[in-house]
Amino acid sequence: MTDSHATEEDWLIEEDEELPPPAYGGPEQRQWRVLIVDDDVDVHAVTRLALRNVSFKGRELELFSAYSGREGFAILRDTPDIALVLLDVVMETDDAGLILARRIREELDNQIVRVVLRTGQPGQAPEQRVIIEYDINDYKAKTELTTQKLFTTVISSLRAYESLNMLERSRAGLGKILSGATNLYQIHSLREFASGVLNQVSAILDVGADGVLCLMQGGTGATSVVAATGGYATLADAEAMPLDHPLWPTIAKAFAEKKSQFDHPANVLFIHTLENREVAISVTPPWPLAQIQRDLLEVFCQRIAAAFDNLYMFGQLRKAQEATVVALADLAEFRDDTTGGHVRRVQQLSTALAERVAERGAYADEITPQLLEMIGLASILHDVGKVATPDAILLKPGPHTPEERVRMREHAGVGQAILERAANMVDGVSYLTYGAQIAGGHHEHFDGNGYPHGLKGRAIPIAARIVAVVDVFDSLLHERPYKEPWPHSEVMAYIHERAGAQFDPEVVAALFDLIERDPTIGQTPG
């Protein structure tokens, strides 16, 4: 059903006042999307004519046309970022426009798009009732819409849409900042951390912008590329930022002035950390950043600076912990320098064997990322308890007596106790945690006949079950004060024979997998 021609002929009366020219901008900027929903072709034509030169904040209008409520709904459903709907009331039904207005808010859950009702028959939809009962933003009779009034309606609607859109992006951006900052604290690698920063910045901008993160060490003057995305990804492998790169002048200015630069299309966020690191994040969105986006990014910069400092401190603590582990292992080796090569080989093979157990899908609940990361270094502590073993027993060149074997076995419990006391001083899981498990459990047997606690099966920690196999495998292959090295074939036969008794059969199977891939494993002299 169409509105009467009597009212439509006068609904858009040209006035002498000229429309203002576009304020600024270029073809790279997004357009404001406006949907015209009306069943009269002439209405579409005259609306397009009236809005042909309209521009707001340097962005022109992109007009969409629908000739029924159903068609308008489909366009709104499938087309993102429509800012304004100029909506006729009477189309395929007398209330088609009102129905669409309700569906926009309820079915599409679109609370941001501005809806302006235009009608040539105001009596069929009284203004007061419509404004109260329907979530619309303006109500115009076509007879009152001159070109200038249409311009005013469109611009005010776009301004309101922009404000609401920015509020929504601000809310979403703050959420991303909070979750992003939390995630970034958990990344150990500086390059991974930097890549995460770029991802978070792009998410906040919601533009998929190219970006490059540069790290300048305090006082050195050299700028290295830590991470890069998009069109700048090739820079990630560069040792230094190319001085002829288009972004360099803005980046250099940010470093020189020690403040962020917003010079579209180059936007450089400057960060100074407490550890005297200066970081520049450059993003090149296809349109100028709004002030609220700049404010969000500045807030994010503050969080990034704190995260960089925390990452640095985390790295220092991690290095200190690793140094402590190595020092403890060196202390044990100091009295028995024949085992130095042994612990290094155990370290390498324990990591490889744990990874192979994980690849086989065994013990998925026990093989955690932390274990895979820490088991190698933790394994060098497996014999730290030997610091309590007398030299006469530890360095004896021949077989031990039964009494000496009892005393020798005490090193497992001693090592576990020492490392557990140290591990309990640190929250969470650490190298010392796994070191204690390995020291106390690598002489336990899968069938329960080992020592010091007689643990059986999966009651023995997986780290200890892995190192148990590696320790015996390497010890048999190499010379010790009390034995000559065994041939590789005999070692493999011994390990295979003891699977299910002394050793976890899954771990043994994983070791055989590794040796099948590389038969030289374990055969290189320490």
Protein backbone atom coordinates (compact mmCIF):
# COMPACT_ATOMS: atom_id res chain seq x y z
CA MET A 1 0.00 0.00 0.00
CA THR A 2 1.41 3.45 -0.89
CA ASP A 3 0.94 6.83 0.69
CA SER A 4 -1.28 9.29 -1.24
CA HIS A 5 0.30 11.31 -4.04
CA ALA A 6 -1.37 14.43 -2.69
CA THR A 7 0.94 14.46 0.30
CA GLU A 8 3.99 12.92 -1.34
CA GLU A 9 4.33 15.57 -4.05
CA ASP A 10 5.15 18.21 -1.45
CA TRP A 11 7.05 16.15 1.09
CA LEU A 12 10.50 17.39 0.03
CA ILE A 13 10.50 21.06 -0.91
CA GLU A 14 13.77 22.54 -2.17
CA GLU A 15 15.00 25.55 -0.22
CA ASP A 16 17.53 28.11 -1.41
CA GLU A 17 19.99 27.33 1.36
CA GLU A 18 23.02 25.43 0.07
CA LEU A 19 24.34 22.36 1.81
CA PRO A 20 27.79 22.67 3.36
CA PRO A 21 30.65 21.00 1.48
CA PRO A 22 32.45 17.96 2.88
CA ALA A 23 34.62 18.93 5.81
CA TYR A 24 37.68 16.83 4.98
CA GLY A 25 38.76 13.36 4.19
CA GLY A 26 39.43 11.12 1.24
CA PRO A 27 38.20 8.03 -0.52
CA GLU A 28 39.96 5.74 1.96
CA GLN A 29 37.53 6.70 4.73
CA ARG A 30 34.42 4.69 5.46
CA GLN A 31 31.05 6.06 4.45
CA TRP A 32 28.02 6.52 6.67
CA ARG A 33 25.51 3.86 5.75
CA VAL A 34 21.91 5.03 5.47
CA LEU A 35 18.99 2.76 4.61
CA ILE A 36 15.90 4.14 2.88
CA VAL A 37 12.83 1.91 3.38
CA ASP A 38 9.84 3.03 1.32
CA ASP A 39 7.55 1.37 -1.23
CA ASP A 40 7.55 4.42 -3.53
CA VAL A 41 10.37 4.55 -6.08
CA ASP A 42 10.04 8.33 -6.38
CA VAL A 43 10.71 8.74 -2.67
CA HIS A 44 14.01 6.87 -3.06
CA ALA A 45 14.98 9.01 -6.04
CA VAL A 46 14.24 12.36 -4.45
CA THR A 47 15.89 11.34 -1.15
CA ARG A 48 19.06 10.34 -2.98
CA LEU A 49 18.98 13.65 -4.85
CA ALA A 50 18.59 15.65 -1.66
CA LEU A 51 21.42 13.80 0.11
CA ARG A 52 23.81 13.63 -2.82
CA ASN A 53 26.31 16.16 -1.38
CA VAL A 54 25.85 15.45 2.31
CA SER A 55 29.04 14.75 4.24
CA PHE A 56 29.64 14.47 7.97
CA LYS A 57 33.14 14.53 9.48
CA GLY A 58 34.66 13.99 6.08
CA ARG A 59 32.63 10.85 5.37
CA GLU A 60 30.03 10.76 2.63
CA LEU A 61 26.81 8.76 2.69
CA GLU A 62 26.34 5.28 1.28
CA LEU A 63 22.64 4.85 0.58
CA PHE A 64 20.82 1.51 0.58
CA SER A 65 17.26 1.04 -0.70
CA ALA A 66 14.52 -1.36 0.43
CA TYR A 67 10.94 -1.30 -0.88
CA SER A 68 9.21 -3.26 1.89
CA GLY A 69 9.57 -3.93 5.59
CA ARG A 70 10.69 -7.47 4.91
CA GLU A 71 13.37 -6.34 2.47
CA GLY A 72 14.54 -3.67 4.93
CA PHE A 73 14.87 -6.29 7.67
CA ALA A 74 17.01 -8.49 5.42
CA ILE A 75 19.36 -5.62 4.57
CA LEU A 76 19.73 -4.64 8.21
CA ARG A 77 20.37 -8.26 9.17
CA ASP A 78 23.05 -8.78 6.53
CA THR A 79 24.71 -5.35 6.33
CA PRO A 80 26.87 -4.17 9.23
CA ASP A 81 27.23 -0.61 10.47
CA ILE A 82 24.02 0.91 9.15
CA ALA A 83 23.80 4.18 11.04
CA LEU A 84 20.37 5.48 10.05
CA VAL A 85 17.08 4.08 8.74
CA LEU A 86 14.67 6.47 7.02
CA LEU A 87 11.55 4.35 7.44
CA ASP A 88 8.13 4.67 5.84
CA VAL A 89 5.20 3.52 7.96
CA VAL A 90 2.64 2.34 5.40
CA MET A 91 4.07 -0.17 2.91
CA GLU A 92 2.97 -3.77 2.31
CA THR A 93 0.72 -3.33 5.35
CA ASP A 94 -0.54 -0.27 7.20
CA ASP A 95 1.97 -0.86 10.01
CA ALA A 96 4.87 -2.48 8.12
CA GLY A 97 7.27 0.28 9.21
CA LEU A 98 6.26 0.00 12.86
CA ILE A 99 6.73 -3.75 12.75
CA LEU A 100 10.22 -3.30 11.25
CA ALA A 101 11.12 -0.75 13.93
CA ARG A 102 10.24 -3.28 16.62
CA ARG A 103 12.07 -6.13 14.87
CA ILE A 104 15.23 -4.02 14.60
CA ARG A 105 15.38 -3.60 18.38
CA GLU A 106 14.05 -6.98 19.47
CA GLU A 107 15.05 -9.56 16.83
CA LEU A 108 18.29 -7.97 15.62
CA ASP A 109 19.08 -6.57 19.08
CA ASN A 110 20.38 -3.47 17.35
CA GLN A 111 20.06 -0.62 19.84
CA ILE A 112 22.49 1.72 18.09
CA VAL A 113 21.03 2.32 14.61
CA ARG A 114 18.95 5.49 14.49
CA VAL A 115 15.38 5.03 13.21
CA VAL A 116 13.47 8.00 11.76
CA LEU A 117 9.87 7.32 10.75
CA ARG A 118 8.56 9.22 7.74
CA THR A 119 4.89 9.06 6.85
CA GLY A 120 2.56 10.71 4.42
CA GLN A 121 -0.48 9.64 6.48
CA PRO A 122 0.21 10.71 10.09
CA GLY A 123 -3.35 9.96 11.09
CA GLN A 124 -2.76 6.23 10.64
CA ALA A 125 0.13 6.34 13.11
CA PRO A 126 -0.38 9.12 15.66
CA GLU A 127 2.97 10.60 16.69
CA GLN A 128 2.54 10.48 20.47
CA ARG A 129 1.51 6.81 20.49
CA VAL A 130 4.30 5.83 18.11
CA ILE A 131 7.02 7.68 20.06
CA ILE A 132 5.93 6.05 23.32
CA GLU A 133 5.28 2.51 22.10
CA TYR A 134 8.13 2.10 19.60
CA ASP A 135 11.85 2.63 20.10
CA ILE A 136 12.32 5.18 17.35
CA ASN A 137 14.40 8.34 17.40
CA ASP A 138 12.34 10.78 15.36
CA TYR A 139 8.96 11.01 13.65
CA LYS A 140 8.47 13.19 10.57
CA ALA A 141 5.53 13.87 8.33
CA LYS A 142 6.74 13.99 4.75
CA THR A 143 5.07 17.35 4.27
CA GLU A 144 7.43 18.98 6.79
CA LEU A 145 10.66 17.56 5.39
CA THR A 146 12.35 20.23 3.30
CA THR A 147 15.84 19.58 2.01
CA GLN A 148 17.38 21.53 4.89
CA LYS A 149 15.26 19.77 7.50
CA LEU A 150 16.15 16.40 6.01
CA PHE A 151 19.81 17.41 6.16
CA THR A 152 19.43 18.42 9.82
CA THR A 153 17.65 15.17 10.65
CA VAL A 154 20.32 13.07 8.95
CA ILE A 155 23.28 14.89 10.54
CA SER A 156 21.79 14.83 14.04
CA SER A 157 21.04 11.12 13.64
CA LEU A 158 24.59 10.39 12.48
CA ARG A 159 26.02 12.36 15.39
CA ALA A 160 23.89 10.39 17.84
CA TYR A 161 24.85 7.11 16.15
CA GLU A 162 28.54 8.00 16.36
CA SER A 163 28.26 8.79 20.06
CA LEU A 164 26.44 5.55 20.84
CA ASN A 165 28.86 3.58 18.69
CA MET A 166 31.83 5.08 20.49
CA LEU A 167 30.28 4.31 23.86
CA GLU A 168 29.78 0.70 22.81
CA ARG A 169 33.32 0.43 21.48
CA SER A 170 34.60 2.05 24.64
CA ARG A 171 32.84 -0.59 26.72
CA ALA A 172 34.12 -3.41 24.49
CA GLY A 173 37.58 -1.88 24.36
CA LEU A 174 37.86 -1.63 28.12
CA GLY A 175 36.86 -5.27 28.37
CA LYS A 176 39.55 -6.19 25.86
CA ILE A 177 42.12 -4.14 27.74
CA LEU A 178 41.37 -5.93 30.99
CA SER A 179 41.35 -9.41 29.49
CA GLY A 180 44.26 -8.59 27.20
CA ALA A 181 46.46 -7.29 29.98
CA THR A 182 45.70 -10.38 32.04
CA ASN A 183 46.64 -12.68 29.17
CA LEU A 184 49.81 -10.77 28.37
CA TYR A 185 51.19 -11.27 31.85
CA GLN A 186 51.20 -15.01 31.25
CA ILE A 187 53.39 -14.98 28.13
CA HIS A 188 57.02 -15.86 28.71
CA SER A 189 58.58 -14.93 25.38
CA LEU A 190 59.14 -11.26 24.63
CA ARG A 191 58.30 -11.77 20.96
CA GLU A 192 55.12 -13.67 21.84
CA PHE A 193 54.27 -10.92 24.29
CA ALA A 194 54.82 -8.27 21.61
CA SER A 195 52.65 -10.15 19.13
CA GLY A 196 49.94 -10.30 21.77
CA VAL A 197 50.22 -6.53 22.22
CA LEU A 198 49.66 -5.96 18.51
CA ASN A 199 46.66 -8.28 18.51
CA GLN A 200 45.13 -6.43 21.44
CA VAL A 201 45.71 -3.03 19.82
CA SER A 202 44.10 -4.21 16.57
CA ALA A 203 41.16 -5.58 18.55
CA ILE A 204 40.63 -2.26 20.31
CA LEU A 205 40.76 -0.36 17.01
CA ASP A 206 38.51 -2.97 15.41
CA VAL A 207 40.09 -2.26 12.05
CA GLY A 208 42.51 -5.13 11.56
CA ALA A 209 45.22 -2.48 11.27
CA ASP A 210 48.80 -3.20 10.25
CA GLY A 211 51.17 -2.63 13.11
CA VAL A 212 54.81 -2.84 14.11
CA LEU A 213 56.19 -2.94 17.63
CA CYS A 214 59.68 -1.53 18.09
CA LEU A 215 61.78 -1.90 21.21
CA MET A 216 64.53 0.59 22.00
CA GLN A 217 66.86 -0.32 24.84
CA GLY A 218 67.46 2.65 27.08
CA GLY A 219 70.45 4.72 26.01
CA THR A 220 71.63 2.55 23.13
CA GLY A 221 69.86 4.44 20.36
CA ALA A 222 69.34 1.25 18.34
CA THR A 223 65.76 0.40 17.44
CA SER A 224 64.98 -3.26 16.92
CA VAL A 225 61.73 -4.74 15.62
CA VAL A 226 60.28 -7.11 18.18
CA ALA A 227 57.04 -8.09 16.43
CA ALA A 228 55.02 -7.06 13.38
CA THR A 229 51.71 -7.93 11.76
CA GLY A 230 49.86 -7.53 8.48
CA GLY A 231 51.72 -5.67 5.75
CA TYR A 232 54.67 -5.13 8.07
CA ALA A 233 55.15 -8.81 8.94
CA THR A 234 58.38 -8.98 6.94
CA LEU A 235 59.94 -6.51 9.36
CA ALA A 236 59.69 -9.06 12.19
CA ASP A 237 62.89 -10.73 11.00
CA ALA A 238 64.82 -7.46 10.71
CA GLU A 239 67.54 -6.81 13.29
CA ALA A 240 66.92 -3.08 13.14
CA MET A 241 64.16 -0.78 11.93
CA PRO A 242 65.02 0.35 8.36
CA LEU A 243 65.67 4.08 8.41
CA ASP A 244 64.10 4.52 4.97
CA HIS A 245 60.80 2.93 6.03
CA PRO A 246 57.78 5.28 5.70
CA LEU A 247 56.92 4.78 9.38
CA TRP A 248 60.39 5.65 10.65
CA PRO A 249 60.04 9.47 10.81
CA THR A 250 56.97 9.22 13.05
CA ILE A 251 58.55 6.49 15.18
CA ALA A 252 61.75 8.53 15.53
CA LYS A 253 59.70 11.58 16.52
CA ALA A 254 57.89 9.55 19.20
CA PHE A 255 61.22 8.37 20.62
CA ALA A 256 62.74 11.86 20.43
CA GLU A 257 59.79 13.63 22.06
CA LYS A 258 59.00 10.65 24.32
CA LYS A 259 55.28 10.89 23.66
CA SER A 260 52.69 9.31 21.38
CA GLN A 261 52.19 10.69 17.89
CA PHE A 262 48.87 10.72 16.05
CA ASP A 263 49.67 11.81 12.51
CA HIS A 264 47.31 9.89 10.25
CA PRO A 265 47.94 7.46 8.70
CA ALA A 266 50.90 6.82 11.05
CA ASN A 267 49.93 6.58 14.71
CA VAL A 268 52.71 5.76 17.14
CA LEU A 269 52.03 4.90 20.78
CA PHE A 270 55.01 5.62 23.00
CA ILE A 271 55.66 3.58 26.15
CA HIS A 272 58.41 4.08 28.74
CA THR A 273 58.84 1.29 31.25
CA LEU A 274 60.37 1.40 34.72
CA GLU A 275 63.20 -0.78 33.44
CA ASN A 276 64.22 2.03 31.05
CA ARG A 277 62.86 0.36 27.96
CA GLU A 278 61.23 2.57 25.36
CA VAL A 279 58.63 0.94 23.16
CA ALA A 280 56.79 2.30 20.14
CA ILE A 281 53.67 0.65 18.75
CA SER A 282 52.81 1.91 15.29
CA VAL A 283 49.35 1.33 13.80
CA THR A 284 48.06 2.54 10.46
CA PRO A 285 44.25 2.39 10.40
CA PRO A 286 42.56 3.46 7.15
CA TRP A 287 40.91 6.48 8.82
CA PRO A 288 41.93 8.91 11.57
CA LEU A 289 41.57 7.70 15.12
CA ALA A 290 38.78 9.25 17.14
CA GLN A 291 39.70 10.83 20.46
CA ILE A 292 38.06 8.04 22.43
CA GLN A 293 40.19 5.50 20.54
CA ARG A 294 43.31 7.51 21.33
CA ASP A 295 42.31 7.62 24.98
CA LEU A 296 41.75 3.87 25.03
CA LEU A 297 45.13 3.24 23.44
CA GLU A 298 46.86 5.54 25.91
CA VAL A 299 45.28 3.58 28.76
CA PHE A 300 46.42 0.39 27.10
CA CYS A 301 49.94 1.81 26.78
CA GLN A 302 50.05 2.26 30.54
CA ARG A 303 49.00 -1.35 31.04
CA ILE A 304 51.56 -2.51 28.46
CA ALA A 305 54.34 -0.63 30.26
CA ALA A 306 53.41 -2.36 33.50
CA ALA A 307 53.24 -5.69 31.68
CA PHE A 308 56.70 -5.17 30.16
CA ASP A 309 58.14 -4.48 33.60
CA ASN A 310 56.37 -7.49 35.07
CA LEU A 311 57.58 -9.62 32.18
CA TYR A 312 61.13 -8.46 32.82
CA MET A 313 60.85 -9.23 36.52
CA PHE A 314 59.29 -12.60 35.71
CA GLY A 315 62.22 -13.35 33.43
CA GLN A 316 64.72 -12.38 36.11
CA LEU A 317 62.97 -14.54 38.72
CA ARG A 318 62.84 -17.40 36.26
CA LYS A 319 66.55 -17.08 35.54
CA ALA A 320 67.25 -16.98 39.27
CA GLN A 321 65.21 -20.15 39.76
CA GLU A 322 67.00 -21.89 36.91
CA ALA A 323 70.36 -20.79 38.33
CA THR A 324 69.37 -22.21 41.71
CA VAL A 325 68.52 -25.56 40.12
CA VAL A 326 71.83 -25.67 38.26
CA ALA A 327 73.72 -24.70 41.43
CA LEU A 328 72.09 -27.52 43.37
CA ALA A 329 72.93 -29.98 40.62
CA ASP A 330 76.52 -28.69 40.46
CA LEU A 331 76.76 -29.13 44.23
CA ALA A 332 75.85 -32.79 43.88
CA GLU A 333 78.25 -33.26 40.96
CA PHE A 334 81.10 -31.54 42.82
CA ARG A 335 81.74 -34.70 44.80
CA ASP A 336 81.32 -37.01 41.82
CA ASP A 337 82.57 -35.38 38.63
CA THR A 338 81.99 -38.57 36.63
CA THR A 339 78.25 -37.83 36.50
CA GLY A 340 78.44 -34.39 34.83
CA GLY A 341 77.80 -35.69 31.34
CA HIS A 342 75.14 -38.01 32.73
CA VAL A 343 72.90 -35.25 34.13
CA ARG A 344 73.14 -33.22 30.91
CA ARG A 345 72.15 -36.23 28.81
CA VAL A 346 69.33 -37.01 31.22
CA GLN A 347 68.13 -33.43 30.89
CA GLN A 348 67.93 -33.59 27.08
CA LEU A 349 66.43 -37.06 26.85
CA SER A 350 63.87 -36.45 29.61
CA THR A 351 62.44 -33.51 27.66
CA ALA A 352 62.34 -35.49 24.40
CA LEU A 353 60.80 -38.52 26.09
CA ALA A 354 58.09 -36.47 27.84
CA GLU A 355 57.18 -34.88 24.50
CA ARG A 356 56.97 -38.30 22.85
CA VAL A 357 54.74 -39.66 25.64
CA ALA A 358 52.45 -36.68 25.06
CA GLU A 359 52.46 -37.28 21.28
CA ARG A 360 51.37 -40.87 21.86
CA GLY A 361 48.35 -39.58 23.79
CA ALA A 362 49.27 -41.38 26.99
CA TYR A 363 48.62 -39.81 30.39
CA ALA A 364 47.09 -36.63 28.95
CA ASP A 365 45.93 -35.65 32.43
CA GLU A 366 49.51 -35.86 33.78
CA ILE A 367 51.55 -34.51 30.86
CA THR A 368 50.86 -30.79 31.34
CA PRO A 369 52.48 -27.88 29.46
CA GLN A 370 54.29 -27.00 32.69
CA LEU A 371 55.75 -30.48 32.96
CA LEU A 372 56.90 -30.45 29.33
CA GLU A 373 58.58 -27.11 29.92
CA MET A 374 60.23 -27.94 33.24
CA ILE A 375 61.02 -31.67 33.31
CA GLY A 376 64.37 -31.33 31.53
CA LEU A 377 65.93 -28.87 33.94
CA ALA A 378 64.21 -30.48 36.93
CA SER A 379 65.66 -33.86 35.98
CA ILE A 380 69.23 -32.74 36.72
CA LEU A 381 68.24 -32.74 40.39
CA HIS A 382 67.41 -36.46 40.44
CA ASP A 383 70.53 -37.38 42.45
CA VAL A 384 70.91 -34.22 44.52
CA GLY A 385 70.35 -36.27 47.67
CA LYS A 386 73.77 -37.84 47.17
CA VAL A 387 75.25 -34.85 48.98
CA ALA A 388 74.41 -36.82 52.16
CA THR A 389 76.13 -40.02 50.95
CA PRO A 390 79.63 -40.63 52.41
CA ASP A 391 82.50 -40.43 49.91
CA ALA A 392 83.59 -43.96 50.76
CA ILE A 393 80.28 -45.25 49.45
CA LEU A 394 79.61 -42.70 46.71
CA LEU A 395 83.06 -43.01 45.11
CA LYS A 396 83.65 -46.70 45.76
CA PRO A 397 85.13 -48.25 42.57
CA GLY A 398 83.52 -51.63 43.06
CA PRO A 399 80.14 -53.15 43.95
CA HIS A 400 78.46 -52.04 47.17
CA THR A 401 77.85 -54.29 50.15
CA PRO A 402 74.23 -54.81 51.30
CA GLU A 403 74.80 -52.27 54.08
CA GLU A 404 76.28 -49.78 51.62
CA ARG A 405 73.36 -50.25 49.24
CA VAL A 406 70.94 -49.40 52.07
CA ARG A 407 72.92 -46.23 52.81
CA MET A 408 73.17 -45.40 49.11
CA ARG A 409 69.41 -45.71 48.70
CA GLU A 410 68.87 -43.00 51.28
CA HIS A 411 69.77 -40.37 48.68
CA ALA A 412 66.29 -40.60 47.12
CA GLY A 413 64.47 -39.65 50.32
CA VAL A 414 67.09 -37.04 51.25
CA GLY A 415 66.83 -35.36 47.84
CA GLN A 416 63.04 -35.35 47.95
CA ALA A 417 62.99 -33.82 51.44
CA ILE A 418 65.50 -31.08 50.54
CA LEU A 419 63.68 -30.08 47.36
CA GLU A 420 60.21 -30.27 48.90
CA ARG A 421 61.24 -27.85 51.64
CA ALA A 422 62.54 -25.45 48.99
CA ALA A 423 59.50 -25.92 46.73
CA ASN A 424 57.11 -25.15 49.59
CA MET A 425 58.64 -21.70 49.83
CA VAL A 426 57.35 -20.90 46.32
CA ASP A 427 53.68 -20.68 45.37
CA GLY A 428 52.53 -22.87 42.50
CA VAL A 429 54.46 -25.44 40.49
CA SER A 430 58.18 -24.83 39.93
CA TYR A 431 61.32 -26.67 38.87
CA LEU A 432 61.78 -27.55 42.52
CA THR A 433 58.33 -29.17 42.61
CA TYR A 434 59.18 -31.52 39.76
CA GLY A 435 62.71 -31.92 41.07
CA ALA A 436 61.34 -33.21 44.39
CA GLN A 437 59.02 -35.65 42.59
CA ILE A 438 61.87 -36.92 40.44
CA ALA A 439 64.43 -37.18 43.23
CA GLY A 440 62.03 -39.13 45.44
CA GLY A 441 60.42 -41.26 42.74
CA HIS A 442 62.96 -42.19 40.07
CA HIS A 443 63.91 -45.36 41.99
CA GLU A 444 60.30 -46.43 42.52
CA HIS A 445 59.18 -49.42 40.43
CA PHE A 446 56.00 -49.56 38.37
CA ASP A 447 55.09 -52.85 40.11
CA GLY A 448 55.58 -51.36 43.60
CA ASN A 449 58.88 -53.06 44.42
CA GLY A 450 61.05 -49.94 44.35
CA TYR A 451 62.17 -47.43 46.97
CA PRO A 452 61.95 -45.29 49.08
CA HIS A 453 58.14 -45.49 49.49
CA GLY A 454 57.13 -48.57 47.49
CA LEU A 455 54.80 -46.58 45.24
CA LYS A 456 53.09 -48.42 42.41
CA GLY A 457 51.86 -47.53 38.91
CA ARG A 458 50.45 -44.04 38.46
CA ALA A 459 50.94 -43.32 42.15
CA ILE A 460 54.51 -42.58 41.06
CA PRO A 461 54.59 -39.06 39.54
CA ILE A 462 54.86 -39.11 35.74
CA ALA A 463 58.02 -36.97 35.85
CA ALA A 464 59.68 -39.61 38.03
CA ARG A 465 58.45 -42.47 35.80
CA ILE A 466 60.02 -40.77 32.79
CA VAL A 467 63.34 -39.97 34.46
CA ALA A 468 63.51 -43.50 35.90
CA VAL A 469 63.76 -44.92 32.38
CA VAL A 470 66.16 -42.21 31.16
CA ASP A 471 68.45 -42.54 34.22
CA VAL A 472 68.88 -46.31 33.90
CA PHE A 473 69.16 -46.15 30.09
CA ASP A 474 71.99 -43.61 30.22
CA SER A 475 73.74 -45.15 33.26
CA LEU A 476 73.95 -48.56 31.61
CA LEU A 477 75.27 -47.10 28.35
CA HIS A 478 78.15 -45.26 30.02
CA GLU A 479 81.07 -46.13 32.26
CA ARG A 480 80.75 -45.71 36.01
CA PRO A 481 83.35 -46.30 38.77
CA TYR A 482 81.70 -49.63 39.55
CA LYS A 483 80.85 -50.85 35.99
CA GLU A 484 81.84 -50.85 32.37
CA PRO A 485 79.44 -49.54 29.68
CA TRP A 486 76.92 -52.01 28.30
CA PRO A 487 76.39 -52.58 24.59
CA HIS A 488 73.40 -50.66 23.23
CA SER A 489 71.55 -53.84 22.28
CA GLU A 490 71.87 -55.23 25.82
CA VAL A 491 70.64 -51.97 27.32
CA MET A 492 67.59 -52.01 25.08
CA ALA A 493 66.90 -55.63 25.93
CA TYR A 494 67.15 -54.84 29.66
CA ILE A 495 64.78 -51.88 29.39
CA HIS A 496 62.30 -53.91 27.35
CA GLU A 497 62.45 -56.83 29.81
CA ARG A 498 61.77 -54.55 32.77
CA ALA A 499 58.77 -52.79 31.17
CA GLY A 500 55.73 -53.23 33.40
CA ALA A 501 57.91 -54.25 36.34
CA GLN A 502 60.55 -51.61 37.03
CA PHE A 503 59.43 -49.21 34.29
CA ASP A 504 56.18 -47.72 33.05
CA PRO A 505 55.45 -49.62 29.80
CA GLU A 506 54.06 -46.51 28.09
CA VAL A 507 57.27 -44.62 28.81
CA VAL A 508 59.37 -47.55 27.57
CA ALA A 509 57.33 -47.66 24.35
CA ALA A 510 57.93 -43.94 23.87
CA LEU A 511 61.68 -44.44 24.36
CA PHE A 512 61.71 -47.16 21.70
CA ASP A 513 59.85 -44.77 19.39
CA LEU A 514 62.56 -42.15 19.86
CA ILE A 515 65.37 -44.62 19.26
CA GLU A 516 63.62 -45.93 16.14
CA ARG A 517 63.62 -42.38 14.82
CA ASP A 518 67.23 -41.75 15.88
CA PRO A 519 69.30 -44.87 16.72
CA THR A 520 72.19 -42.70 17.96
CA ILE A 521 70.26 -41.48 21.01
CA GLY A 522 72.27 -42.11 24.15
CA GLN A 523 75.35 -43.37 22.33
CA THR A 524 77.32 -40.12 22.21
CA PRO A 525 79.92 -40.12 25.01
CA GLY A 526 79.25 -37.55 27.72
